[in-house]
């Protein structure tokens, strides 16, 4: 269940990330998601299969800088984050970001023909500092072409809107990872979780991811 959810999230989340140019042009989360998903799909469609590494780097540059991985990691680690010192927090963030990037990057080209439908209505917090953008992604490879619901949760930072959580079919990335991370912390403390993430990243690197 965990591996299936994580794989699905990682392969779809890139389709509706945020780009710095879009952020500068429009401070509206819906338009940011819509514009950047279009840019990402255009990049993937231009790939002829020979420039996979270059295309992955372009997509990552377009999307990842506007995900707040520190905030995402803090929420995913939960109570253990407050137990960690500054150095441990930095390493947790670095390893978690590396895990997310390596897990999806080698297969993103399979999603060049995906259809992304960004919903215009958002769910905003009372103070207006958080908002959720809803979308549906249809993969032509799915026989029944049933769309997958993807929700992106933003918060308003001094630099603009940042994504810090994604839910796939109602399953939260943060919650899913928190359950696993809590188990690792119970067994080996914060350093044990860091070691676990390092081992996972080493295994992915050995596979060429």
Protein backbone atom coordinates (compact mmCIF):
# COMPACT_ATOMS: atom_id res chain seq x y z
CA UNK A 1 0.00 0.00 0.00
CA UNK A 2 2.72 2.48 1.02
CA UNK A 3 4.91 1.79 -2.02
CA UNK A 4 1.92 1.98 -4.37
CA UNK A 5 0.77 5.31 -2.96
CA UNK A 6 4.25 6.79 -2.94
CA UNK A 7 4.94 5.72 -6.51
CA UNK A 8 1.64 7.19 -7.71
CA UNK A 9 2.18 10.47 -5.88
CA UNK A 10 5.72 10.93 -7.08
CA UNK A 11 4.86 10.28 -10.70
CA UNK A 12 1.88 12.62 -10.70
CA UNK A 13 2.95 15.44 -8.39
CA UNK A 14 5.43 16.82 -10.89
CA UNK A 15 2.57 17.46 -13.32
CA UNK A 16 1.27 20.33 -11.22
CA UNK A 17 4.26 21.85 -9.48
CA UNK A 18 5.18 25.52 -9.29
CA UNK A 19 7.70 27.41 -11.35
CA UNK A 20 9.56 30.58 -10.42
CA UNK A 21 8.54 32.43 -13.62
CA UNK A 22 4.88 31.57 -13.02
CA UNK A 23 5.15 32.64 -9.40
CA UNK A 24 6.48 36.02 -10.41
CA UNK A 25 3.71 36.48 -12.96
CA UNK A 26 0.72 35.31 -10.98
CA UNK A 27 0.17 34.95 -7.24
CA UNK A 28 -2.89 32.74 -7.68
CA UNK A 29 -2.43 29.07 -6.68
CA UNK A 30 -4.91 27.76 -9.27
CA UNK A 31 -3.23 29.60 -12.12
CA UNK A 32 0.21 28.59 -10.86
CA UNK A 33 -0.76 24.93 -10.95
CA UNK A 34 -2.47 25.24 -14.32
CA UNK A 35 0.38 27.13 -15.99
CA UNK A 36 3.15 24.95 -14.67
CA UNK A 37 1.40 21.66 -15.41
CA UNK A 38 1.18 22.85 -19.02
CA UNK A 39 4.89 23.69 -19.07
CA UNK A 40 5.87 20.32 -17.58
CA UNK A 41 3.75 18.35 -20.05
CA UNK A 42 5.22 20.36 -22.93
CA UNK A 43 8.73 19.43 -21.78
CA UNK A 44 7.84 15.75 -21.52
CA UNK A 45 6.17 15.68 -24.93
CA UNK A 46 9.29 17.14 -26.59
CA UNK A 47 11.48 14.37 -25.21
CA UNK A 48 12.51 11.94 -27.96
CA UNK A 49 13.80 9.35 -25.55
CA UNK A 50 17.43 10.38 -26.07
CA UNK A 51 17.56 13.28 -23.66
CA UNK A 52 15.86 11.70 -20.66
CA UNK A 53 18.39 12.93 -18.11
CA UNK A 54 18.30 16.46 -19.51
CA UNK A 55 14.50 16.54 -19.54
CA UNK A 56 14.34 15.28 -15.96
CA UNK A 57 16.72 18.06 -14.90
CA UNK A 58 14.56 20.66 -16.66
CA UNK A 59 11.39 19.39 -15.01
CA UNK A 60 13.03 19.30 -11.60
CA UNK A 61 14.31 22.86 -12.03
CA UNK A 62 10.83 23.97 -13.06
CA UNK A 63 8.97 22.32 -10.22
CA UNK A 64 10.98 21.45 -7.16
CA UNK A 65 12.29 24.85 -6.09
CA UNK A 66 8.79 25.88 -5.10
CA UNK A 67 7.99 22.93 -2.90
CA UNK A 68 8.85 23.71 0.71
CA UNK A 69 10.71 20.52 1.57
CA UNK A 70 11.68 21.71 5.06
CA UNK A 71 8.05 22.31 6.01
CA UNK A 72 7.03 19.07 4.31
CA UNK A 73 9.70 17.14 6.21
CA UNK A 74 8.78 18.76 9.53
CA UNK A 75 5.14 17.73 9.15
CA UNK A 76 6.07 14.23 7.97
CA UNK A 77 8.47 13.62 10.87
CA UNK A 78 6.00 15.08 13.39
CA UNK A 79 7.01 15.08 17.05
CA UNK A 80 10.45 13.73 16.17
CA UNK A 81 11.21 16.96 14.32
CA UNK A 82 11.07 18.90 17.59
CA UNK A 83 13.46 16.39 19.12
CA UNK A 84 16.01 16.91 16.35
CA UNK A 85 18.71 19.58 16.51
CA UNK A 86 19.35 21.99 13.65
CA UNK A 87 21.91 19.70 12.00
CA UNK A 88 19.60 16.70 12.16
CA UNK A 89 16.70 18.73 10.76
CA UNK A 90 18.84 19.86 7.83
CA UNK A 91 19.93 16.29 7.10
CA UNK A 92 16.39 14.95 7.38
CA UNK A 93 15.22 17.57 4.89
CA UNK A 94 18.05 16.83 2.47
CA UNK A 95 17.53 13.07 2.60
CA UNK A 96 13.74 13.30 2.29
CA UNK A 97 13.98 15.61 -0.73
CA UNK A 98 16.52 13.28 -2.33
CA UNK A 99 14.23 10.31 -1.73
CA UNK A 100 11.26 12.03 -3.38
CA UNK A 101 13.26 13.20 -6.39
CA UNK A 102 15.03 9.90 -7.01
CA UNK A 103 11.86 7.89 -6.61
CA UNK A 104 10.04 9.54 -9.48
CA UNK A 105 12.68 10.91 -11.82
CA UNK A 106 13.50 7.72 -13.69
CA UNK A 107 9.91 7.11 -14.83
CA UNK A 108 8.45 10.57 -15.42
CA UNK A 109 8.63 10.24 -19.22
CA UNK A 110 5.81 7.68 -19.07
CA UNK A 111 3.42 10.48 -18.13
CA UNK A 112 3.92 12.74 -21.15
CA UNK A 113 0.37 12.04 -22.40
CA UNK A 114 -1.38 12.60 -19.09
CA UNK A 115 -4.36 14.94 -19.02
CA UNK A 116 -4.51 17.37 -16.09
CA UNK A 117 -7.77 19.05 -15.08
CA UNK A 118 -7.24 21.84 -12.52
CA UNK A 119 -10.41 22.70 -10.59
CA UNK A 120 -11.14 26.45 -10.31
CA UNK A 121 -12.56 26.38 -6.78
CA UNK A 122 -10.10 26.22 -3.87
CA UNK A 123 -10.49 25.39 -0.19
CA UNK A 124 -9.00 28.25 1.84
CA UNK A 125 -8.28 28.54 5.55
CA UNK A 126 -10.04 31.21 7.58
CA UNK A 127 -6.97 33.45 7.66
CA UNK A 128 -6.29 32.96 3.95
CA UNK A 129 -2.74 31.73 4.52
CA UNK A 130 -3.40 28.16 3.42
CA UNK A 131 -5.31 26.85 0.45
CA UNK A 132 -5.91 23.55 -1.32
CA UNK A 133 -6.06 23.26 -5.10
CA UNK A 134 -7.88 20.23 -6.45
CA UNK A 135 -7.04 18.49 -9.71
CA UNK A 136 -7.70 15.29 -11.61
CA UNK A 137 -5.07 13.48 -13.65
CA UNK A 138 -6.06 10.99 -16.34
CA UNK A 139 -3.45 8.54 -17.59
CA UNK A 140 -4.09 7.12 -21.07
CA UNK A 141 -2.44 3.88 -19.96
CA UNK A 142 -5.34 3.25 -17.57
CA UNK A 143 -7.82 1.05 -19.38
CA UNK A 144 -10.89 2.65 -17.83
CA UNK A 145 -9.35 6.15 -18.04
CA UNK A 146 -10.66 6.90 -14.56
CA UNK A 147 -9.11 10.17 -13.35
CA UNK A 148 -7.01 10.24 -10.20
CA UNK A 149 -7.83 13.00 -7.68
CA UNK A 150 -4.74 15.00 -6.66
CA UNK A 151 -4.99 17.78 -4.06
CA UNK A 152 -2.17 20.28 -3.45
CA UNK A 153 -1.96 22.12 -0.12
CA UNK A 154 -0.20 25.51 -0.20
CA UNK A 155 0.76 28.04 2.42
CA UNK A 156 1.58 31.71 1.87
CA UNK A 157 5.26 32.26 2.59
CA UNK A 158 7.15 35.58 2.28
CA UNK A 159 8.31 34.29 -1.13
CA UNK A 160 4.79 33.43 -2.30
CA UNK A 161 2.69 30.27 -2.37
CA UNK A 162 4.54 27.02 -1.57
CA UNK A 163 3.34 23.43 -1.72
CA UNK A 164 3.92 21.44 1.46
CA UNK A 165 1.52 18.52 1.12
CA UNK A 166 -0.11 16.46 -1.62
CA UNK A 167 -3.00 14.01 -1.32
CA UNK A 168 -3.78 11.27 -3.82
CA UNK A 169 -7.33 9.96 -3.69
CA UNK A 170 -7.63 11.38 -0.18
CA UNK A 171 -4.37 9.84 1.07
CA UNK A 172 -1.96 12.45 2.39
CA UNK A 173 1.74 12.19 1.57
CA UNK A 174 2.63 13.69 4.95
CA UNK A 175 0.42 11.31 6.93
CA UNK A 176 1.62 8.27 5.01
CA UNK A 177 5.27 9.06 5.58
CA UNK A 178 4.68 10.09 9.20
CA UNK A 179 3.47 6.60 10.07
CA UNK A 180 6.64 5.09 8.64
CA UNK A 181 8.94 7.73 10.13
CA UNK A 182 7.43 7.32 13.59
CA UNK A 183 8.24 3.61 13.46
CA UNK A 184 11.85 4.38 12.53
CA UNK A 185 12.19 6.95 15.33
CA UNK A 186 10.76 4.54 17.91
CA UNK A 187 13.33 1.94 16.87
CA UNK A 188 16.42 4.10 16.47
CA UNK A 189 15.68 7.71 17.32
CA UNK A 190 16.18 10.60 14.93
CA UNK A 191 19.58 9.29 13.85
CA UNK A 192 17.95 5.96 13.06
CA UNK A 193 15.49 7.68 10.73
CA UNK A 194 18.31 9.58 9.04
CA UNK A 195 20.22 6.31 8.53
CA UNK A 196 17.11 4.67 7.08
CA UNK A 197 16.64 7.50 4.57
CA UNK A 198 20.33 7.42 3.65
CA UNK A 199 20.11 3.66 3.02
CA UNK A 200 17.02 4.07 0.81
CA UNK A 201 18.71 6.79 -1.21
CA UNK A 202 21.87 4.71 -1.59
CA UNK A 203 19.78 1.80 -2.89
CA UNK A 204 18.03 4.05 -5.41
CA UNK A 205 21.36 5.53 -6.51
CA UNK A 206 22.73 2.03 -7.08
CA UNK A 207 19.80 1.36 -9.41
CA UNK A 208 20.61 4.49 -11.35
CA UNK A 209 17.67 6.53 -10.07
